[in-house]
Each structure stands twice: as structure tokens, then as C-alpha cells.
């Protein structure tokens, strides 16, 4: 079961990187501040989900 949490955590961490790069690209080209704000909110949400999945994976593995 912990393997499932680890794989999901990796997928979410990859999504965090994608959203971060999109936010940086938006900022560098002078994009909308509203878009930057939405991307930042999405990044924070994805980071929270990744953290929860990592903790659940550690709990399922008996390390917590």
C-alpha cells in the first residue's frame, strides 16, 4: 500500500514542478497577475497533497 502512496506522491510532485514552470514562464513574459495568482494557489494545493501522500506512505510503511 505504501508503494501506491509513493507513486501518487511522485506524480503530484511532478505536477508541482509543471505548475511552477508555468508560473515562472507566465511571470517572465509579463502575463496576467490573476493567472500567476491562480498558478501559485494550485502549486500550494499540490504541495499540500504531496505532503499528505508522503505522510500516508510513511504511515502505511510503519515508519511513522
PDB file of N, CA and C in Angstrom:
ATOM      1  N   UNK A   1       0.818  -1.202   0.000  1.00  0.00           N
ATOM      2  CA  UNK A   1       0.000   0.000   0.000  1.00  0.00           C
ATOM      3  C   UNK A   1       0.858   1.261   0.000  1.00  0.00           C
ATOM      4  N   UNK A   2       1.993   1.201   0.680  1.00  0.00           N
ATOM      5  CA  UNK A   2       2.842   2.391   0.710  1.00  0.00           C
ATOM      6  C   UNK A   2       3.405   2.697  -0.669  1.00  0.00           C
ATOM      7  N   UNK A   3       3.556   1.661  -1.519  1.00  0.00           N
ATOM      8  CA  UNK A   3       4.047   1.894  -2.877  1.00  0.00           C
ATOM      9  C   UNK A   3       3.065   2.757  -3.663  1.00  0.00           C
ATOM     10  N   UNK A   4       1.781   2.532  -3.458  1.00  0.00           N
ATOM     11  CA  UNK A   4       0.768   3.338  -4.136  1.00  0.00           C
ATOM     12  C   UNK A   4       0.892   4.797  -3.716  1.00  0.00           C
ATOM     13  N   UNK A   5       1.061   5.040  -2.411  1.00  0.00           N
ATOM     14  CA  UNK A   5       1.214   6.411  -1.933  1.00  0.00           C
ATOM     15  C   UNK A   5       2.492   7.047  -2.484  1.00  0.00           C
ATOM     16  N   UNK A   6       3.562   6.253  -2.570  1.00  0.00           N
ATOM     17  CA  UNK A   6       4.819   6.784  -3.102  1.00  0.00           C
ATOM     18  C   UNK A   6       4.680   7.172  -4.572  1.00  0.00           C
ATOM     19  N   UNK A   7       4.014   6.326  -5.353  1.00  0.00           N
ATOM     20  CA  UNK A   7       3.825   6.639  -6.770  1.00  0.00           C
ATOM     21  C   UNK A   7       2.941   7.864  -6.937  1.00  0.00           C
ATOM     22  N   UNK A   8       1.854   7.931  -6.178  1.00  0.00           N
ATOM     23  CA  UNK A   8       0.980   9.104  -6.243  1.00  0.00           C
ATOM     24  C   UNK A   8       1.721  10.368  -5.823  1.00  0.00           C
ATOM     25  N   UNK A   9       2.550  10.262  -4.794  1.00  0.00           N
ATOM     26  CA  UNK A   9       3.323  11.422  -4.344  1.00  0.00           C
ATOM     27  C   UNK A   9       4.270  11.893  -5.436  1.00  0.00           C
ATOM     28  N   UNK A  10       4.910  10.957  -6.138  1.00  0.00           N
ATOM     29  CA  UNK A  10       5.806  11.340  -7.232  1.00  0.00           C
ATOM     30  C   UNK A  10       5.046  12.029  -8.364  1.00  0.00           C
ATOM     31  N   UNK A  11       3.864  11.536  -8.672  1.00  0.00           N
ATOM     32  CA  UNK A  11       3.047  12.153  -9.719  1.00  0.00           C
ATOM     33  C   UNK A  11       2.665  13.575  -9.319  1.00  0.00           C
ATOM     34  N   UNK A  12       2.265  13.761  -8.072  1.00  0.00           N
ATOM     35  CA  UNK A  12       1.871  15.091  -7.603  1.00  0.00           C
ATOM     36  C   UNK A  12       3.084  16.017  -7.551  1.00  0.00           C
ATOM     37  N   UNK A  13       4.243  15.498  -7.148  1.00  0.00           N
ATOM     38  CA  UNK A  13       5.445  16.332  -7.126  1.00  0.00           C
ATOM     39  C   UNK A  13       5.824  16.771  -8.543  1.00  0.00           C
ATOM     40  N   UNK A  14       5.649  15.876  -9.511  1.00  0.00           N
ATOM     41  CA  UNK A  14       5.894  16.254 -10.901  1.00  0.00           C
ATOM     42  C   UNK A  14       4.928  17.355 -11.325  1.00  0.00           C
ATOM     43  N   UNK A  15       3.673  17.240 -10.913  1.00  0.00           N
ATOM     44  CA  UNK A  15       2.675  18.272 -11.232  1.00  0.00           C
ATOM     45  C   UNK A  15       3.064  19.608 -10.601  1.00  0.00           C
ATOM     46  N   UNK A  16       3.634  19.574  -9.400  1.00  0.00           N
ATOM     47  CA  UNK A  16       4.105  20.807  -8.751  1.00  0.00           C
ATOM     48  C   UNK A  16       5.169  21.475  -9.611  1.00  0.00           C
ATOM     49  N   UNK A  17       6.099  20.679 -10.124  1.00  0.00           N
ATOM     50  CA  UNK A  17       7.167  21.234 -10.960  1.00  0.00           C
ATOM     51  C   UNK A  17       6.589  21.843 -12.236  1.00  0.00           C
ATOM     52  N   UNK A  18       5.620  21.163 -12.839  1.00  0.00           N
ATOM     53  CA  UNK A  18       4.999  21.677 -14.062  1.00  0.00           C
ATOM     54  C   UNK A  18       4.306  23.007 -13.790  1.00  0.00           C
ATOM     55  N   UNK A  19       3.546  23.081 -12.707  1.00  0.00           N
ATOM     56  CA  UNK A  19       2.837  24.320 -12.368  1.00  0.00           C
ATOM     57  C   UNK A  19       3.836  25.432 -12.037  1.00  0.00           C
ATOM     58  N   UNK A  20       4.914  25.083 -11.353  1.00  0.00           N
ATOM     59  CA  UNK A  20       5.946  26.070 -11.033  1.00  0.00           C
ATOM     60  C   UNK A  20       6.574  26.636 -12.301  1.00  0.00           C
ATOM     61  N   UNK A  21       6.892  25.780 -13.249  1.00  0.00           N
ATOM     62  CA  UNK A  21       7.491  26.235 -14.507  1.00  0.00           C
ATOM     63  C   UNK A  21       6.505  27.096 -15.293  1.00  0.00           C
ATOM     64  N   UNK A  22       5.237  26.703 -15.319  1.00  0.00           N
ATOM     65  CA  UNK A  22       4.225  27.521 -15.999  1.00  0.00           C
ATOM     66  C   UNK A  22       4.100  28.889 -15.345  1.00  0.00           C
ATOM     67  N   UNK A  23       4.171  28.931 -14.011  1.00  0.00           N
ATOM     68  CA  UNK A  23       4.090  30.207 -13.310  1.00  0.00           C
ATOM     69  C   UNK A  23       5.283  31.092 -13.608  1.00  0.00           C
ATOM     70  N   UNK A  24       6.469  30.483 -13.629  1.00  0.00           N
ATOM     71  CA  UNK A  24       7.670  31.264 -13.962  1.00  0.00           C
ATOM     72  C   UNK A  24       7.612  31.777 -15.389  1.00  0.00           C
ATOM     73  N   UNK A  25       7.148  30.941 -16.310  1.00  0.00           N
ATOM     74  CA  UNK A  25       7.036  31.371 -17.708  1.00  0.00           C
ATOM     75  C   UNK A  25       6.032  32.510 -17.831  1.00  0.00           C
ATOM     76  N   UNK A  26       4.934  32.408 -17.117  1.00  0.00           N
ATOM     77  CA  UNK A  26       3.924  33.475 -17.148  1.00  0.00           C
ATOM     78  C   UNK A  26       4.496  34.780 -16.608  1.00  0.00           C
ATOM     79  N   UNK A  27       5.276  34.682 -15.544  1.00  0.00           N
ATOM     80  CA  UNK A  27       5.854  35.873 -14.946  1.00  0.00           C
ATOM     81  C   UNK A  27       6.910  36.490 -15.870  1.00  0.00           C
ATOM     82  N   UNK A  28       7.729  35.655 -16.499  1.00  0.00           N
ATOM     83  CA  UNK A  28       8.797  36.165 -17.357  1.00  0.00           C
ATOM     84  C   UNK A  28       8.262  36.858 -18.615  1.00  0.00           C
ATOM     85  N   UNK A  29       7.156  36.385 -19.139  1.00  0.00           N
ATOM     86  CA  UNK A  29       6.605  37.014 -20.347  1.00  0.00           C
ATOM     87  C   UNK A  29       5.652  38.153 -20.017  1.00  0.00           C
ATOM     88  N   UNK A  30       5.497  38.466 -18.729  1.00  0.00           N
ATOM     89  CA  UNK A  30       4.649  39.576 -18.332  1.00  0.00           C
ATOM     90  C   UNK A  30       3.173  39.256 -18.418  1.00  0.00           C
ATOM     91  N   UNK A  31       2.831  38.038 -18.096  1.00  0.00           N
ATOM     92  CA  UNK A  31       1.434  37.605 -18.175  1.00  0.00           C
ATOM     93  C   UNK A  31       0.576  38.224 -17.084  1.00  0.00           C
ATOM     94  N   UNK A  32      -0.656  37.802 -17.077  1.00  0.00           N
ATOM     95  CA  UNK A  32      -1.650  38.335 -16.156  1.00  0.00           C
ATOM     96  C   UNK A  32      -1.292  38.002 -14.702  1.00  0.00           C
ATOM     97  N   UNK A  33      -1.481  38.970 -13.835  1.00  0.00           N
ATOM     98  CA  UNK A  33      -1.271  38.737 -12.409  1.00  0.00           C
ATOM     99  C   UNK A  33      -2.288  37.764 -11.846  1.00  0.00           C
ATOM    100  N   UNK A  34      -3.488  37.772 -12.405  1.00  0.00           N
ATOM    101  CA  UNK A  34      -4.529  36.846 -11.978  1.00  0.00           C
ATOM    102  C   UNK A  34      -4.122  35.402 -12.275  1.00  0.00           C
ATOM    103  N   UNK A  35      -3.531  35.184 -13.453  1.00  0.00           N
ATOM    104  CA  UNK A  35      -3.062  33.846 -13.810  1.00  0.00           C
ATOM    105  C   UNK A  35      -1.940  33.406 -12.882  1.00  0.00           C
ATOM    106  N   UNK A  36      -1.012  34.305 -12.589  1.00  0.00           N
ATOM    107  CA  UNK A  36       0.075  33.981 -11.664  1.00  0.00           C
ATOM    108  C   UNK A  36      -0.464  33.607 -10.290  1.00  0.00           C
ATOM    109  N   UNK A  37      -1.469  34.319  -9.832  1.00  0.00           N
ATOM    110  CA  UNK A  37      -2.065  34.036  -8.535  1.00  0.00           C
ATOM    111  C   UNK A  37      -2.729  32.658  -8.534  1.00  0.00           C
ATOM    112  N   UNK A  38      -3.462  32.332  -9.591  1.00  0.00           N
ATOM    113  CA  UNK A  38      -4.122  31.027  -9.687  1.00  0.00           C
ATOM    114  C   UNK A  38      -3.096  29.900  -9.725  1.00  0.00           C
ATOM    115  N   UNK A  39      -2.000  30.111 -10.460  1.00  0.00           N
ATOM    116  CA  UNK A  39      -0.955  29.089 -10.524  1.00  0.00           C
ATOM    117  C   UNK A  39      -0.281  28.910  -9.168  1.00  0.00           C
ATOM    118  N   UNK A  40      -0.082  29.993  -8.435  1.00  0.00           N
ATOM    119  CA  UNK A  40       0.519  29.889  -7.106  1.00  0.00           C
ATOM    120  C   UNK A  40      -0.412  29.125  -6.169  1.00  0.00           C
ATOM    121  N   UNK A  41      -1.698  29.408  -6.238  1.00  0.00           N
ATOM    122  CA  UNK A  41      -2.653  28.686  -5.400  1.00  0.00           C
ATOM    123  C   UNK A  41      -2.656  27.208  -5.741  1.00  0.00           C
ATOM    124  N   UNK A  42      -2.590  26.878  -7.024  1.00  0.00           N
ATOM    125  CA  UNK A  42      -2.556  25.475  -7.444  1.00  0.00           C
ATOM    126  C   UNK A  42      -1.287  24.794  -6.956  1.00  0.00           C
ATOM    127  N   UNK A  43      -0.158  25.504  -7.024  1.00  0.00           N
ATOM    128  CA  UNK A  43       1.104  24.932  -6.566  1.00  0.00           C
ATOM    129  C   UNK A  43       1.059  24.625  -5.077  1.00  0.00           C
ATOM    130  N   UNK A  44       0.530  25.549  -4.289  1.00  0.00           N
ATOM    131  CA  UNK A  44       0.437  25.336  -2.846  1.00  0.00           C
ATOM    132  C   UNK A  44      -0.482  24.156  -2.543  1.00  0.00           C
ATOM    133  N   UNK A  45      -1.596  24.059  -3.255  1.00  0.00           N
ATOM    134  CA  UNK A  45      -2.511  22.935  -3.053  1.00  0.00           C
ATOM    135  C   UNK A  45      -1.837  21.611  -3.406  1.00  0.00           C
ATOM    136  N   UNK A  46      -1.127  21.579  -4.520  1.00  0.00           N
ATOM    137  CA  UNK A  46      -0.435  20.354  -4.920  1.00  0.00           C
ATOM    138  C   UNK A  46       0.666  19.983  -3.929  1.00  0.00           C
ATOM    139  N   UNK A  47       1.361  20.965  -3.393  1.00  0.00           N
ATOM    140  CA  UNK A  47       2.385  20.680  -2.389  1.00  0.00           C
ATOM    141  C   UNK A  47       1.762  20.090  -1.131  1.00  0.00           C
ATOM    142  N   UNK A  48       0.606  20.595  -0.736  1.00  0.00           N
ATOM    143  CA  UNK A  48      -0.089  20.049   0.425  1.00  0.00           C
ATOM    144  C   UNK A  48      -0.505  18.597   0.166  1.00  0.00           C
ATOM    145  N   UNK A  49      -1.035  18.330  -1.013  1.00  0.00           N
ATOM    146  CA  UNK A  49      -1.438  16.967  -1.354  1.00  0.00           C
ATOM    147  C   UNK A  49      -0.231  16.038  -1.357  1.00  0.00           C
ATOM    148  N   UNK A  50       0.887  16.497  -1.915  1.00  0.00           N
ATOM    149  CA  UNK A  50       2.101  15.681  -1.931  1.00  0.00           C
ATOM    150  C   UNK A  50       2.575  15.382  -0.510  1.00  0.00           C
ATOM    151  N   UNK A  51       2.523  16.363   0.355  1.00  0.00           N
ATOM    152  CA  UNK A  51       2.941  16.163   1.740  1.00  0.00           C
ATOM    153  C   UNK A  51       2.054  15.146   2.436  1.00  0.00           C
ATOM    154  N   UNK A  52       0.750  15.244   2.230  1.00  0.00           N
ATOM    155  CA  UNK A  52      -0.183  14.289   2.838  1.00  0.00           C
ATOM    156  C   UNK A  52       0.094  12.882   2.319  1.00  0.00           C
ATOM    157  N   UNK A  53       0.331  12.742   1.019  1.00  0.00           N
ATOM    158  CA  UNK A  53       0.604  11.427   0.454  1.00  0.00           C
ATOM    159  C   UNK A  53       1.913  10.846   0.996  1.00  0.00           C
ATOM    160  N   UNK A  54       2.924  11.679   1.161  1.00  0.00           N
ATOM    161  CA  UNK A  54       4.196  11.210   1.715  1.00  0.00           C
ATOM    162  C   UNK A  54       4.001  10.734   3.149  1.00  0.00           C
ATOM    163  N   UNK A  55       3.251  11.489   3.941  1.00  0.00           N
ATOM    164  CA  UNK A  55       2.998  11.083   5.328  1.00  0.00           C
ATOM    165  C   UNK A  55       2.157   9.808   5.394  1.00  0.00           C
ATOM    166  N   UNK A  56       1.161   9.691   4.522  1.00  0.00           N
ATOM    167  CA  UNK A  56       0.364   8.454   4.478  1.00  0.00           C
ATOM    168  C   UNK A  56       1.210   7.254   4.059  1.00  0.00           C
ATOM    169  N   UNK A  57       2.113   7.474   3.105  1.00  0.00           N
ATOM    170  CA  UNK A  57       3.019   6.405   2.683  1.00  0.00           C
ATOM    171  C   UNK A  57       3.945   5.969   3.810  1.00  0.00           C
ATOM    172  N   UNK A  58       4.456   6.920   4.563  1.00  0.00           N
ATOM    173  CA  UNK A  58       5.315   6.596   5.706  1.00  0.00           C
ATOM    174  C   UNK A  58       4.522   5.872   6.790  1.00  0.00           C
ATOM    175  N   UNK A  59       3.298   6.296   7.005  1.00  0.00           N
ATOM    176  CA  UNK A  59       2.440   5.644   7.995  1.00  0.00           C
ATOM    177  C   UNK A  59       2.115   4.204   7.582  1.00  0.00           C
ATOM    178  N   UNK A  60       1.803   4.031   6.290  1.00  0.00           N
ATOM    179  CA  UNK A  60       1.470   2.697   5.789  1.00  0.00           C
ATOM    180  C   UNK A  60       2.680   1.766   5.835  1.00  0.00           C
ATOM    181  N   UNK A  61       3.864   2.325   5.691  1.00  0.00           N
ATOM    182  CA  UNK A  61       5.080   1.520   5.728  1.00  0.00           C
ATOM    183  C   UNK A  61       5.512   1.226   7.157  1.00  0.00           C
ATOM    184  N   UNK A  62       4.845   1.827   8.122  1.00  0.00           N
ATOM    185  CA  UNK A  62       5.176   1.592   9.523  1.00  0.00           C
ATOM    186  C   UNK A  62       6.343   2.402  10.033  1.00  0.00           C
ATOM    187  N   UNK A  63       6.681   3.468   9.339  1.00  0.00           N
ATOM    188  CA  UNK A  63       7.816   4.308   9.743  1.00  0.00           C
ATOM    189  C   UNK A  63       7.383   5.531  10.535  1.00  0.00           C
ATOM    190  N   UNK A  64       6.114   5.615  10.837  1.00  0.00           N
ATOM    191  CA  UNK A  64       5.621   6.823  11.489  1.00  0.00           C
ATOM    192  C   UNK A  64       4.878   6.465  12.731  1.00  0.00           C
TER     193      UNK A  64
END
